[in-house]
C-alpha atoms as a PDB file:
ATOM      1  CA  MET A   1       4.167 -37.991 -19.317  1.00  0.00           C
ATOM      2  CA  GLN A   2       3.878 -34.582 -18.678  1.00  0.00           C
ATOM      3  CA  GLU A   3       2.739 -33.366 -15.409  1.00  0.00           C
ATOM      4  CA  GLN A   4      -0.819 -31.253 -15.663  1.00  0.00           C
ATOM      5  CA  VAL A   5      -0.115 -27.816 -14.566  1.00  0.00           C
ATOM      6  CA  LYS A   6      -2.897 -26.487 -12.191  1.00  0.00           C
ATOM      7  CA  ARG A   7      -3.782 -23.477  -9.965  1.00  0.00           C
ATOM      8  CA  THR A   8      -3.169 -23.708  -6.692  1.00  0.00           C
ATOM      9  CA  VAL A   9      -3.803 -21.814  -4.121  1.00  0.00           C
ATOM     10  CA  ILE A  10      -0.926 -20.807  -1.248  1.00  0.00           C
ATOM     11  CA  SER A  11      -1.486 -19.118   2.020  1.00  0.00           C
ATOM     12  CA  ALA A  12       1.334 -17.583   3.478  1.00  0.00           C
ATOM     13  CA  LEU A  13       1.167 -15.674   6.968  1.00  0.00           C
ATOM     14  CA  VAL A  14       3.869 -12.998   6.819  1.00  0.00           C
ATOM     15  CA  ASP A  15       5.215  -9.951   9.250  1.00  0.00           C
ATOM     16  CA  ASN A  16       3.568  -6.648   8.373  1.00  0.00           C
ATOM     17  CA  HIS A  17       5.959  -4.434   7.636  1.00  0.00           C
ATOM     18  CA  SER A  18       7.253  -2.454   4.606  1.00  0.00           C
ATOM     19  CA  GLY A  19       9.308  -4.563   2.112  1.00  0.00           C
ATOM     20  CA  VAL A  20       7.927  -7.873   2.626  1.00  0.00           C
ATOM     21  CA  LEU A  21       5.000  -7.585  -0.661  1.00  0.00           C
ATOM     22  CA  VAL A  22       8.519  -6.489  -2.602  1.00  0.00           C
ATOM     23  CA  ARG A  23      10.773  -9.268  -1.264  1.00  0.00           C
ATOM     24  CA  VAL A  24       7.860 -12.000  -2.139  1.00  0.00           C
ATOM     25  CA  ALA A  25       7.522 -10.354  -5.857  1.00  0.00           C
ATOM     26  CA  GLY A  26      11.411 -10.376  -6.261  1.00  0.00           C
ATOM     27  CA  LEU A  27      11.282 -14.260  -5.439  1.00  0.00           C
ATOM     28  CA  PHE A  28       8.656 -14.826  -7.973  1.00  0.00           C
ATOM     29  CA  SER A  29      10.373 -13.020 -10.957  1.00  0.00           C
ATOM     30  CA  ARG A  30      13.527 -13.755 -10.221  1.00  0.00           C
ATOM     31  CA  ARG A  31      12.759 -17.662 -10.363  1.00  0.00           C
ATOM     32  CA  GLY A  32      10.398 -17.054 -13.253  1.00  0.00           C
ATOM     33  CA  PHE A  33       7.172 -17.957 -11.414  1.00  0.00           C
ATOM     34  CA  ASN A  34       4.105 -16.496 -12.538  1.00  0.00           C
ATOM     35  CA  ILE A  35       1.103 -15.292 -10.296  1.00  0.00           C
ATOM     36  CA  ASP A  36      -2.424 -15.712 -11.123  1.00  0.00           C
ATOM     37  CA  SER A  37      -3.772 -13.865  -7.784  1.00  0.00           C
ATOM     38  CA  LEU A  38      -2.299 -12.099  -5.184  1.00  0.00           C
ATOM     39  CA  THR A  39      -4.249 -10.480  -2.289  1.00  0.00           C
ATOM     40  CA  VAL A  40      -2.419  -9.217   0.916  1.00  0.00           C
ATOM     41  CA  CYS A  41      -3.829  -7.636   3.688  1.00  0.00           C
ATOM     42  CA  GLU A  42      -3.352  -7.234   7.608  1.00  0.00           C
ATOM     43  CA  THR A  43      -4.570 -10.419   9.580  1.00  0.00           C
ATOM     44  CA  GLU A  44      -6.005  -9.940  12.993  1.00  0.00           C
ATOM     45  CA  ASN A  45      -2.986  -9.799  14.830  1.00  0.00           C
ATOM     46  CA  PRO A  46      -1.426  -6.666  13.749  1.00  0.00           C
ATOM     47  CA  LEU A  47       1.759  -8.003  13.215  1.00  0.00           C
ATOM     48  CA  TYR A  48       1.269 -10.237  10.666  1.00  0.00           C
ATOM     49  CA  SER A  49      -0.388  -9.900   6.664  1.00  0.00           C
ATOM     50  CA  ARG A  50      -1.783 -12.775   4.999  1.00  0.00           C
ATOM     51  CA  MET A  51      -0.897 -12.811   1.504  1.00  0.00           C
ATOM     52  CA  THR A  52      -3.201 -15.408  -0.944  1.00  0.00           C
ATOM     53  CA  ILE A  53      -1.275 -16.455  -3.705  1.00  0.00           C
ATOM     54  CA  VAL A  54      -2.391 -18.435  -7.071  1.00  0.00           C
ATOM     55  CA  VAL A  55      -0.082 -19.946  -8.605  1.00  0.00           C
ATOM     56  CA  PRO A  56       0.181 -21.949 -12.225  1.00  0.00           C
ATOM     57  CA  GLY A  57       2.340 -24.947 -11.877  1.00  0.00           C
ATOM     58  CA  ASP A  58       2.940 -28.654 -12.099  1.00  0.00           C
ATOM     59  CA  TYR A  59       3.829 -30.172  -8.709  1.00  0.00           C
ATOM     60  CA  THR A  60       7.623 -29.917  -9.028  1.00  0.00           C
ATOM     61  CA  THR A  61       7.145 -25.758  -9.528  1.00  0.00           C
ATOM     62  CA  ILE A  62       4.724 -25.840  -6.665  1.00  0.00           C
ATOM     63  CA  LYS A  63       7.015 -27.209  -4.255  1.00  0.00           C
ATOM     64  CA  GLN A  64       9.934 -25.132  -5.369  1.00  0.00           C
ATOM     65  CA  VAL A  65       7.459 -21.772  -4.541  1.00  0.00           C
ATOM     66  CA  VAL A  66       6.949 -23.022  -1.341  1.00  0.00           C
ATOM     67  CA  ARG A  67      10.332 -23.861  -0.623  1.00  0.00           C
ATOM     68  CA  GLN A  68      11.305 -20.336  -2.042  1.00  0.00           C
ATOM     69  CA  LEU A  69       8.916 -18.456   0.113  1.00  0.00           C
ATOM     70  CA  ALA A  70      10.006 -20.577   3.705  1.00  0.00           C
ATOM     71  CA  LYS A  71      13.680 -19.353   2.757  1.00  0.00           C
ATOM     72  CA  LEU A  72      12.453 -15.536   3.322  1.00  0.00           C
ATOM     73  CA  GLU A  73      12.935 -14.626   7.075  1.00  0.00           C
ATOM     74  CA  ASP A  74       9.576 -12.397   7.066  1.00  0.00           C
ATOM     75  CA  THR A  75       7.434 -15.988   6.453  1.00  0.00           C
ATOM     76  CA  LYS A  76       5.855 -17.373   9.497  1.00  0.00           C
ATOM     77  CA  LYS A  77       3.772 -20.111   7.999  1.00  0.00           C
ATOM     78  CA  ILE A  78       2.706 -21.275   4.598  1.00  0.00           C
ATOM     79  CA  LEU A  79       0.109 -23.658   3.507  1.00  0.00           C
ATOM     80  CA  ILE A  80      -1.296 -25.284   0.416  1.00  0.00           C
ATOM     81  CA  LEU A  81      -5.235 -24.484   0.323  1.00  0.00           C
ATOM     82  CA  ASP A  82      -7.128 -28.080  -1.023  1.00  0.00           C
ATOM     83  CA  LYS A  83     -10.132 -26.883  -2.830  1.00  0.00           C
ATOM     84  CA  GLU A  84     -12.312 -29.494  -1.403  1.00  0.00           C
ATOM     85  CA  THR A  85     -11.212 -27.809   2.038  1.00  0.00           C
ATOM     86  CA  THR A  86     -11.271 -24.230   0.934  1.00  0.00           C
ATOM     87  CA  ILE A  87     -13.995 -21.052   1.282  1.00  0.00           C
ATOM     88  CA  SER A  88     -12.621 -18.562  -1.637  1.00  0.00           C
ATOM     89  CA  SER A  89     -13.659 -15.179  -2.606  1.00  0.00           C
ATOM     90  CA  GLU A  90     -13.546 -12.811  -4.810  1.00  0.00           C
ATOM     91  CA  LEU A  91     -14.774  -9.000  -5.337  1.00  0.00           C
ATOM     92  CA  LEU A  92     -15.898  -7.411  -8.544  1.00  0.00           C
ATOM     93  CA  LEU A  93     -16.304  -4.106  -9.230  1.00  0.00           C
ATOM     94  CA  VAL A  94     -17.861  -3.201 -12.468  1.00  0.00           C
ATOM     95  CA  LYS A  95     -19.230   0.053 -14.629  1.00  0.00           C
ATOM     96  CA  VAL A  96     -21.790  -1.184 -18.036  1.00  0.00           C
ATOM     97  CA  GLN A  97     -22.888   1.081 -20.225  1.00  0.00           C
ATOM     98  CA  THR A  98     -26.721   1.128 -20.503  1.00  0.00           C
ATOM     99  CA  GLU A  99     -27.357   2.788 -23.367  1.00  0.00           C
ATOM    100  CA  ASN A 100     -30.018   2.199 -25.831  1.00  0.00           C
ATOM    101  CA  GLY A 101     -32.607   0.472 -22.881  1.00  0.00           C
ATOM    102  CA  GLU A 102     -30.467  -1.722 -22.001  1.00  0.00           C
ATOM    103  CA  ARG A 103     -30.534  -0.752 -18.243  1.00  0.00           C
ATOM    104  CA  ALA A 104     -33.334  -3.138 -17.500  1.00  0.00           C
ATOM    105  CA  SER A 105     -31.676  -5.770 -18.769  1.00  0.00           C
ATOM    106  CA  VAL A 106     -28.355  -5.373 -17.025  1.00  0.00           C
ATOM    107  CA  LEU A 107     -30.689  -4.590 -13.772  1.00  0.00           C
ATOM    108  CA  LYS A 108     -32.055  -8.084 -14.115  1.00  0.00           C
ATOM    109  CA  THR A 109     -28.585  -9.920 -14.598  1.00  0.00           C
ATOM    110  CA  ALA A 110     -27.392  -8.206 -11.515  1.00  0.00           C
ATOM    111  CA  GLN A 111     -30.538  -9.432  -9.596  1.00  0.00           C
ATOM    112  CA  ALA A 112     -29.991 -12.881 -10.600  1.00  0.00           C
ATOM    113  CA  TYR A 113     -26.302 -13.078  -9.729  1.00  0.00           C
ATOM    114  CA  GLY A 114     -27.132 -11.121  -6.582  1.00  0.00           C
ATOM    115  CA  ALA A 115     -25.185  -8.318  -7.306  1.00  0.00           C
ATOM    116  CA  LYS A 116     -25.653  -4.783  -5.069  1.00  0.00           C
ATOM    117  CA  ILE A 117     -26.060  -1.688  -7.359  1.00  0.00           C
ATOM    118  CA  LEU A 118     -23.488   1.177  -6.737  1.00  0.00           C
ATOM    119  CA  ASP A 119     -24.267   3.665  -9.162  1.00  0.00           C
ATOM    120  CA  THR A 120     -26.784   4.808 -11.590  1.00  0.00           C
ATOM    121  CA  ALA A 121     -25.478   7.569 -13.847  1.00  0.00           C
ATOM    122  CA  ALA A 122     -27.434   8.504 -17.179  1.00  0.00           C
ATOM    123  CA  LYS A 123     -25.363   6.057 -19.509  1.00  0.00           C
ATOM    124  CA  SER A 124     -24.157   3.485 -16.952  1.00  0.00           C
ATOM    125  CA  VAL A 125     -24.672   1.405 -13.852  1.00  0.00           C
ATOM    126  CA  THR A 126     -21.602   0.426 -11.581  1.00  0.00           C
ATOM    127  CA  LEU A 127     -22.040  -2.951  -9.620  1.00  0.00           C
ATOM    128  CA  GLU A 128     -21.150  -5.111  -6.941  1.00  0.00           C
ATOM    129  CA  LEU A 129     -20.295  -8.863  -6.480  1.00  0.00           C
ATOM    130  CA  THR A 130     -18.760 -11.130  -4.420  1.00  0.00           C
ATOM    131  CA  GLY A 131     -18.263 -15.297  -5.127  1.00  0.00           C
ATOM    132  CA  SER A 132     -16.064 -17.623  -6.622  1.00  0.00           C
ATOM    133  CA  SER A 133     -13.483 -16.635  -9.190  1.00  0.00           C
ATOM    134  CA  GLN A 134     -15.627 -18.833 -11.925  1.00  0.00           C
ATOM    135  CA  ASP A 135     -19.114 -17.078 -11.032  1.00  0.00           C
ATOM    136  CA  ILE A 136     -17.479 -13.776 -11.786  1.00  0.00           C
ATOM    137  CA  ASP A 137     -16.076 -14.546 -14.947  1.00  0.00           C
ATOM    138  CA  VAL A 138     -19.583 -15.903 -15.681  1.00  0.00           C
ATOM    139  CA  PHE A 139     -20.877 -12.876 -14.686  1.00  0.00           C
ATOM    140  CA  ILE A 140     -18.589 -10.695 -16.893  1.00  0.00           C
ATOM    141  CA  GLY A 141     -19.445 -12.906 -19.707  1.00  0.00           C
ATOM    142  CA  HIS A 142     -22.956 -11.990 -19.312  1.00  0.00           C
ATOM    143  CA  LEU A 143     -22.179  -7.792 -19.022  1.00  0.00           C
ATOM    144  CA  GLU A 144     -20.024  -8.213 -22.170  1.00  0.00           C
ATOM    145  CA  ARG A 145     -22.836  -7.626 -24.914  1.00  0.00           C
ATOM    146  CA  ASN A 146     -23.996  -4.281 -22.665  1.00  0.00           C
ATOM    147  CA  GLY A 147     -20.773  -2.787 -23.122  1.00  0.00           C
ATOM    148  CA  ILE A 148     -18.144  -2.883 -19.706  1.00  0.00           C
ATOM    149  CA  LEU A 149     -16.474   0.118 -19.676  1.00  0.00           C
ATOM    150  CA  GLU A 150     -14.249  -0.366 -16.357  1.00  0.00           C
ATOM    151  CA  LEU A 151     -13.752  -3.485 -14.079  1.00  0.00           C
ATOM    152  CA  ALA A 152     -11.673  -3.571 -11.078  1.00  0.00           C
ATOM    153  CA  ARG A 153     -11.273  -7.321  -9.285  1.00  0.00           C
ATOM    154  CA  THR A 154      -9.404  -8.213  -6.104  1.00  0.00           C
ATOM    155  CA  GLY A 155      -8.534 -11.558  -6.828  1.00  0.00           C
ATOM    156  CA  MET A 156      -8.972 -14.465  -4.582  1.00  0.00           C
ATOM    157  CA  THR A 157      -8.925 -14.578  -0.971  1.00  0.00           C
ATOM    158  CA  ALA A 158      -8.883 -17.911   1.057  1.00  0.00           C
ATOM    159  CA  LEU A 159      -9.178 -19.807   4.243  1.00  0.00           C
ATOM    160  CA  SER A 160      -9.208 -23.608   4.882  1.00  0.00           C
ATOM    161  CA  ALA A 161     -12.658 -24.713   6.109  1.00  0.00           C
ATOM    162  CA  GLY A 162     -13.216 -25.897   9.209  1.00  0.00           C
ATOM    163  CA  ASP A 163     -12.009 -25.007  13.060  1.00  0.00           C
ATOM    164  CA  GLY A 164      -8.267 -24.991  11.741  1.00  0.00           C
ATOM    165  CA  THR A 165      -6.223 -21.808  11.132  1.00  0.00           C
ATOM    166  CA  ILE A 166      -2.988 -20.918   9.789  1.00  0.00           C
ATOM    167  CA  ASN A 167      -1.563 -19.605  13.336  1.00  0.00           C
ATOM    168  CA  GLN A 168      -2.374 -23.637  14.494  1.00  0.00           C
END
């Protein structure tokens, strides 16, 4: 029986200095692991960075990824974030074509999803939306008929819900 491949969210607390991201990316590359999403930021303590890594794979693959990450001397702590107890969000910036009287339709879609209007130009509108990866995907789907000129997504960033922290 073949094990199901799923997307797992890994939160890693690592030293905040140059070269750490290269070592983590190299680890994934050498082992042939894929990364669906990777975000990195300085934490409330400037000595550490938080990496949120979304990895596709079965249980065995994820276990191996965690073991390899833990071996890196820059890694301080690793958590696998459970879908039911994780708060996550993603940021989207998207520039949409608004020629041929489509501006009202684009703005109506933006309002329905709670997107911010960042820029209006003669032939386009630039929007910002934060939300779950699924919400971002659906929003993009609605805008595709108008013509997406350009977009940028941050990838998932996540924390565990409740009072617990990665520092505990």
